[in-house]
N, C-alpha and C. Protein backbone atom coordinates (compact mmCIF):
# COMPACT_ATOMS: atom_id res chain seq x y z
N MET A 1 -29.31 -4.41 14.95
CA MET A 1 -30.08 -3.23 14.43
C MET A 1 -28.92 -2.36 13.42
N ILE A 2 -27.89 -2.15 14.47
CA ILE A 2 -27.30 -1.08 14.14
C ILE A 2 -26.73 -1.84 12.39
N GLN A 3 -25.77 -3.77 12.23
CA GLN A 3 -25.83 -3.50 11.28
C GLN A 3 -26.61 -3.56 9.89
N VAL A 4 -28.08 -3.32 9.94
CA VAL A 4 -29.03 -3.44 9.18
C VAL A 4 -28.83 -1.41 9.08
N LEU A 5 -29.01 -0.26 9.71
CA LEU A 5 -28.54 1.03 9.54
C LEU A 5 -27.30 0.41 8.60
N LEU A 6 -26.21 0.48 8.73
CA LEU A 6 -25.36 0.16 8.24
C LEU A 6 -25.26 0.30 6.46
N VAL A 7 -25.46 -0.98 6.84
CA VAL A 7 -26.12 -1.74 5.27
C VAL A 7 -27.10 -0.40 4.59
N ILE A 8 -28.33 -0.03 5.29
CA ILE A 8 -28.65 1.33 4.22
C ILE A 8 -28.04 2.56 4.42
N TYR A 9 -27.10 2.70 5.65
CA TYR A 9 -26.12 3.75 5.14
C TYR A 9 -25.09 3.36 3.92
N LEU A 10 -25.02 2.33 4.02
CA LEU A 10 -24.09 2.06 3.29
C LEU A 10 -24.78 2.97 1.12
N VAL A 11 -25.93 1.86 1.76
CA VAL A 11 -26.56 1.53 0.25
C VAL A 11 -27.13 3.68 -0.26
N ALA A 12 -26.89 4.20 0.78
CA ALA A 12 -27.57 5.46 0.61
C ALA A 12 -26.13 6.28 -0.13
N ALA A 13 -25.44 5.90 0.87
CA ALA A 13 -24.13 6.84 0.12
C ALA A 13 -23.72 6.30 -1.18
N LEU A 14 -23.52 5.06 -1.59
CA LEU A 14 -23.49 4.65 -3.25
C LEU A 14 -24.83 5.47 -3.81
N GLY A 15 -25.76 5.31 -2.94
CA GLY A 15 -26.59 5.95 -3.98
C GLY A 15 -26.68 7.54 -4.25
N VAL A 16 -26.09 8.24 -3.53
CA VAL A 16 -25.68 10.37 -4.09
C VAL A 16 -24.71 9.57 -4.53
N ILE A 17 -23.34 9.38 -4.61
CA ILE A 17 -22.30 8.88 -5.31
C ILE A 17 -22.84 8.81 -6.93
N GLY A 18 -23.29 7.84 -6.72
CA GLY A 18 -24.27 7.42 -8.48
C GLY A 18 -24.54 8.00 -8.96
N LEU A 19 -25.72 8.94 -8.48
CA LEU A 19 -26.51 9.80 -9.01
C LEU A 19 -26.28 10.99 -9.15
N VAL A 20 -25.09 11.32 -8.16
CA VAL A 20 -24.42 12.72 -8.58
C VAL A 20 -23.83 12.56 -10.03
N LEU A 21 -22.43 11.49 -10.21
CA LEU A 21 -22.42 11.24 -11.23
C LEU A 21 -22.79 10.59 -12.87
N ILE A 22 -24.13 10.05 -12.58
CA ILE A 22 -25.03 10.22 -13.78
C ILE A 22 -25.86 11.55 -14.10
N GLN A 23 -25.53 12.76 -13.39
CA GLN A 23 -26.33 14.03 -13.89
C GLN A 23 -25.36 14.73 -14.63
N GLN A 24 -26.13 15.13 -16.06
CA GLN A 24 -25.61 16.51 -16.53
C GLN A 24 -25.16 17.57 -15.93
N GLY A 25 -24.26 18.24 -15.72
CA GLY A 25 -24.62 19.25 -15.85
C GLY A 25 -25.13 20.52 -16.41
N LYS A 26 -25.36 22.11 -15.72
CA LYS A 26 -26.04 22.86 -16.58
C LYS A 26 -25.59 23.14 -17.45
N GLY A 27 -24.24 23.31 -17.71
CA GLY A 27 -23.66 23.36 -19.43
C GLY A 27 -24.47 22.36 -20.51
N ALA A 28 -25.10 21.61 -19.78
CA ALA A 28 -25.45 20.61 -21.62
C ALA A 28 -26.81 20.43 -21.51
N ASP A 29 -27.50 21.86 -20.67
CA ASP A 29 -28.60 22.14 -21.01
C ASP A 29 -29.12 22.71 -22.43
N MET A 30 -28.33 23.83 -22.69
CA MET A 30 -28.40 24.39 -23.93
C MET A 30 -28.07 23.07 -25.38
N GLY A 31 -27.59 22.18 -24.60
CA GLY A 31 -27.59 21.67 -26.40
C GLY A 31 -28.81 20.69 -26.69
N ALA A 32 -29.06 20.60 -25.09
CA ALA A 32 -30.27 19.33 -25.30
C ALA A 32 -31.83 20.22 -24.89
N SER A 33 -31.36 21.39 -25.35
CA SER A 33 -32.71 22.14 -25.60
C SER A 33 -33.36 22.21 -27.41
N PHE A 34 -32.09 22.38 -28.08
CA PHE A 34 -31.65 22.31 -29.28
C PHE A 34 -32.29 20.50 -29.98
N GLY A 35 -32.51 19.79 -28.88
CA GLY A 35 -32.77 18.53 -29.01
C GLY A 35 -31.76 17.26 -29.45
N ALA A 36 -30.29 17.43 -28.89
CA ALA A 36 -29.41 16.96 -28.92
C ALA A 36 -29.88 15.93 -27.66
N GLY A 37 -30.58 14.64 -27.66
CA GLY A 37 -30.72 13.59 -26.59
C GLY A 37 -31.98 13.69 -25.94
N ALA A 38 -33.21 15.32 -25.87
CA ALA A 38 -34.08 15.16 -25.34
C ALA A 38 -34.86 13.97 -25.74
N SER A 39 -34.90 13.69 -27.36
CA SER A 39 -36.31 12.95 -27.14
C SER A 39 -35.63 11.01 -26.69
N ASN A 40 -34.44 11.06 -26.09
CA ASN A 40 -33.92 9.69 -26.25
C ASN A 40 -34.48 9.40 -24.43
N THR A 41 -35.12 10.50 -23.66
CA THR A 41 -35.30 10.23 -22.20
C THR A 41 -36.38 9.53 -22.27
N VAL A 42 -36.37 8.57 -20.73
CA VAL A 42 -37.51 7.92 -20.45
C VAL A 42 -38.68 8.80 -19.69
N PHE A 43 -38.18 9.95 -19.07
CA PHE A 43 -39.41 10.93 -18.55
C PHE A 43 -39.17 12.41 -18.97
N GLY A 44 -38.86 12.49 -20.23
CA GLY A 44 -38.70 13.58 -21.09
C GLY A 44 -37.91 14.28 -21.33
N ALA A 45 -38.05 15.45 -21.72
CA ALA A 45 -36.83 16.87 -22.03
C ALA A 45 -36.69 16.85 -20.48
N SER A 46 -37.90 17.10 -19.54
CA SER A 46 -37.12 18.15 -18.15
C SER A 46 -37.65 17.25 -17.10
N GLY A 47 -37.93 15.80 -17.38
CA GLY A 47 -38.61 15.06 -16.43
C GLY A 47 -37.44 14.10 -16.11
N SER A 48 -36.64 13.61 -16.41
CA SER A 48 -35.22 12.83 -16.24
C SER A 48 -34.67 13.90 -14.82
N GLY A 49 -34.53 14.98 -15.38
CA GLY A 49 -33.66 16.22 -14.18
C GLY A 49 -34.23 15.86 -12.69
N ASN A 50 -35.51 16.17 -12.80
CA ASN A 50 -36.58 15.99 -11.83
C ASN A 50 -35.97 14.65 -11.25
N PHE A 51 -36.44 13.92 -11.82
CA PHE A 51 -36.33 12.35 -10.98
C PHE A 51 -34.89 12.33 -10.46
N LEU A 52 -34.25 12.39 -11.17
CA LEU A 52 -32.62 12.61 -10.58
C LEU A 52 -32.59 13.61 -9.46
N THR A 53 -32.77 14.44 -9.70
CA THR A 53 -33.15 15.72 -8.26
C THR A 53 -33.40 14.98 -7.01
N ARG A 54 -34.68 14.46 -6.98
CA ARG A 54 -35.63 14.25 -6.03
C ARG A 54 -34.76 12.81 -5.61
N MET A 55 -34.23 12.17 -6.46
CA MET A 55 -34.11 11.02 -5.88
C MET A 55 -31.60 10.96 -5.28
N THR A 56 -31.36 12.05 -5.69
CA THR A 56 -30.20 12.30 -4.71
C THR A 56 -30.44 13.54 -3.75
N ALA A 57 -31.86 13.95 -3.55
CA ALA A 57 -32.12 14.84 -2.21
C ALA A 57 -31.98 13.64 -0.96
N PHE A 58 -33.18 12.31 -1.39
CA PHE A 58 -33.80 11.42 -0.80
C PHE A 58 -32.99 10.77 -0.30
N PHE A 59 -31.69 10.31 -1.22
CA PHE A 59 -30.91 9.34 -0.46
C PHE A 59 -29.67 10.51 0.00
N ALA A 60 -29.55 11.91 0.06
CA ALA A 60 -29.05 12.53 0.80
C ALA A 60 -29.54 12.74 2.11
N ILE A 61 -30.56 13.33 2.30
CA ILE A 61 -31.77 12.78 3.72
C ILE A 61 -31.11 11.77 4.36
N ALA A 62 -31.45 10.55 3.86
CA ALA A 62 -31.53 9.39 3.89
C ALA A 62 -30.08 8.98 4.80
N PHE A 63 -29.03 9.66 3.97
CA PHE A 63 -27.43 9.31 4.57
C PHE A 63 -27.06 10.25 5.69
N PHE A 64 -28.15 11.40 5.75
CA PHE A 64 -27.67 12.11 6.93
C PHE A 64 -28.51 12.27 8.06
N ALA A 65 -29.67 11.72 7.88
CA ALA A 65 -30.62 11.08 8.62
C ALA A 65 -29.80 9.84 9.73
N ILE A 66 -29.27 9.05 8.85
CA ILE A 66 -28.35 7.54 9.35
C ILE A 66 -27.58 8.08 9.91
N SER A 67 -26.69 9.16 9.83
CA SER A 67 -25.12 9.29 10.20
C SER A 67 -25.94 9.54 11.40
N LEU A 68 -26.40 10.81 12.02
CA LEU A 68 -26.79 11.28 13.21
C LEU A 68 -27.31 10.22 13.89
N ILE A 69 -27.86 9.26 13.39
CA ILE A 69 -28.88 7.97 14.23
C ILE A 69 -27.91 6.92 15.01
N LEU A 70 -26.83 6.97 14.14
CA LEU A 70 -25.82 5.81 13.89
C LEU A 70 -25.06 6.27 15.41
N GLY A 71 -24.50 8.08 15.25
CA GLY A 71 -23.89 8.74 15.74
C GLY A 71 -24.37 8.85 17.30
N ASN A 72 -25.39 8.97 17.26
CA ASN A 72 -26.50 8.80 18.74
C ASN A 72 -26.49 7.43 19.27
N MET A 73 -26.62 6.87 18.41
CA MET A 73 -26.29 5.26 18.99
C MET A 73 -24.95 4.77 20.30
N TYR A 74 -24.02 5.36 18.98
CA TYR A 74 -22.78 4.83 19.24
C TYR A 74 -22.38 5.33 20.64
N THR A 75 -23.08 6.76 20.65
CA THR A 75 -22.60 7.46 21.54
C THR A 75 -23.18 7.04 22.63
N GLN A 76 -24.86 6.92 23.25
CA GLN A 76 -25.08 6.25 23.98
C GLN A 76 -24.99 4.66 24.84
N LYS A 77 -23.75 4.18 23.96
CA LYS A 77 -23.52 2.44 24.02
C LYS A 77 -22.76 2.32 25.45
N GLY A 78 -22.56 1.42 26.37
CA GLY A 78 -22.04 1.85 27.67
C GLY A 78 -20.31 1.28 27.18
N GLU A 79 -20.37 0.36 26.55
CA GLU A 79 -19.16 -0.25 26.18
C GLU A 79 -18.43 0.35 24.72
N SER A 80 -17.42 0.60 24.85
CA SER A 80 -16.42 1.06 23.95
C SER A 80 -15.27 0.43 23.38
N GLN A 81 -15.43 0.42 22.20
CA GLN A 81 -14.11 -0.24 21.77
C GLN A 81 -12.81 -0.42 21.74
N TRP A 82 -12.41 0.70 22.30
CA TRP A 82 -11.24 1.51 22.04
C TRP A 82 -10.52 1.14 24.18
N VAL A 83 -9.69 1.07 23.89
CA VAL A 83 -8.74 0.58 25.14
C VAL A 83 -8.96 1.84 25.73
N ASP A 84 -9.50 1.63 27.29
CA ASP A 84 -9.22 2.30 28.55
C ASP A 84 -7.86 2.39 29.16
N PRO A 85 -7.10 3.10 28.91
CA PRO A 85 -5.71 3.91 29.08
C PRO A 85 -5.69 3.76 30.82
N SER A 86 -6.88 3.28 31.72
CA SER A 86 -6.46 3.81 33.04
C SER A 86 -6.89 2.19 33.87
N LEU A 87 -6.88 1.49 32.46
CA LEU A 87 -6.77 -0.16 33.01
C LEU A 87 -5.89 -0.92 32.82
N GLY A 88 -4.67 0.04 31.91
CA GLY A 88 -3.24 -1.12 32.24
C GLY A 88 -3.44 -1.31 30.74
N GLN A 89 -2.13 -2.15 30.58
CA GLN A 89 -2.16 -2.42 28.93
C GLN A 89 -1.19 -4.09 29.65
N THR A 90 -1.59 -4.82 28.86
CA THR A 90 -1.44 -6.16 28.55
C THR A 90 -0.03 -6.04 27.19
N VAL A 91 1.02 -6.31 27.98
CA VAL A 91 2.53 -7.07 26.89
C VAL A 91 2.57 -8.07 26.90
N GLU A 92 2.59 -8.67 25.49
CA GLU A 92 2.84 -9.95 24.98
C GLU A 92 4.25 -10.33 24.93
N GLN A 93 4.86 -11.42 25.85
CA GLN A 93 5.90 -11.32 26.03
C GLN A 93 6.28 -12.20 24.23
N VAL A 94 7.68 -11.71 24.06
CA VAL A 94 8.09 -12.41 22.60
C VAL A 94 9.65 -13.39 22.99
N GLN A 95 10.03 -14.50 23.00
CA GLN A 95 11.01 -15.22 23.25
C GLN A 95 11.51 -14.72 22.38
N ASP A 96 12.99 -14.82 23.18
CA ASP A 96 14.53 -14.80 21.84
C ASP A 96 14.84 -15.63 21.14
N ALA A 97 14.91 -15.52 19.98
CA ALA A 97 15.00 -16.41 18.83
C ALA A 97 16.86 -17.34 19.04
N ALA A 98 17.26 -17.38 19.99
CA ALA A 98 18.53 -18.17 19.90
C ALA A 98 18.63 -18.78 20.96
N SER A 99 17.87 -18.24 21.90
CA SER A 99 18.05 -18.65 23.45
C SER A 99 16.93 -19.30 24.17
N GLY A 100 15.76 -19.03 23.57
CA GLY A 100 14.59 -19.50 23.47
C GLY A 100 14.46 -18.99 25.00
N ILE A 101 14.32 -17.47 25.32
CA ILE A 101 14.35 -17.23 26.85
C ILE A 101 13.37 -16.02 26.41
N PRO A 102 12.09 -15.81 27.35
CA PRO A 102 11.53 -14.66 26.91
C PRO A 102 12.74 -13.17 26.68
N ALA A 103 12.08 -12.58 26.37
CA ALA A 103 13.25 -11.09 26.22
C ALA A 103 12.83 -10.31 27.24
N GLU A 104 12.05 -10.41 28.16
CA GLU A 104 12.18 -9.36 29.68
C GLU A 104 13.21 -10.13 30.48
N LYS A 105 13.34 -11.35 30.14
CA LYS A 105 13.82 -12.39 31.44
C LYS A 105 15.66 -12.53 30.94
N ALA A 106 15.53 -12.10 29.71
CA ALA A 106 17.13 -12.48 29.23
C ALA A 106 18.50 -11.35 29.74
N ASP A 107 17.52 -9.68 30.19
CA ASP A 107 18.53 -9.36 30.82
C ASP A 107 18.89 -9.70 32.15
N GLU A 108 18.17 -10.49 33.09
CA GLU A 108 18.18 -10.60 34.78
C GLU A 108 19.47 -11.72 34.41
N ILE A 109 18.59 -12.35 33.62
CA ILE A 109 20.69 -13.60 33.86
C ILE A 109 21.67 -13.11 33.22
N PRO A 110 22.44 -13.67 34.33
CA PRO A 110 24.09 -13.71 33.94
C PRO A 110 24.52 -14.52 32.65
N GLN A 111 25.87 -14.04 32.38
CA GLN A 111 26.10 -14.12 31.33
C GLN A 111 27.67 -15.48 31.72
C-alpha cells in the first residue's frame, strides 16, 4: 500500500513540476491577445490556461493529500527505521592488516 502511494506521490510531484514549467506567465497575455499563438492552441485562446490551471491544482491537491496520508501512516507504524539508542550499538571488529589480530585486542597483547 505504501509503495503504491509513493508511486502516486512521485507522479503528482512530477506533474506539478511539469505543469508549472509549461505555463505562460502573466506578461505573455498581452502578446497572445493580439493573435500571437492563440490560433495554435488546442483548447482555444483561454481554454489552455484554464486546463493547465485546473490540472496543476489537481496535482497539487493530490500531492498534499498523499503527503498527509503518508505522514500519518509512517507515524502510526509501530516499527521504526531508525536505531533505538537505548538498545545499544553493535561494533564491527576490524582486523589489523599487519598482524591479523582484531584491533580491539591488539592493545592487550604484550609486544
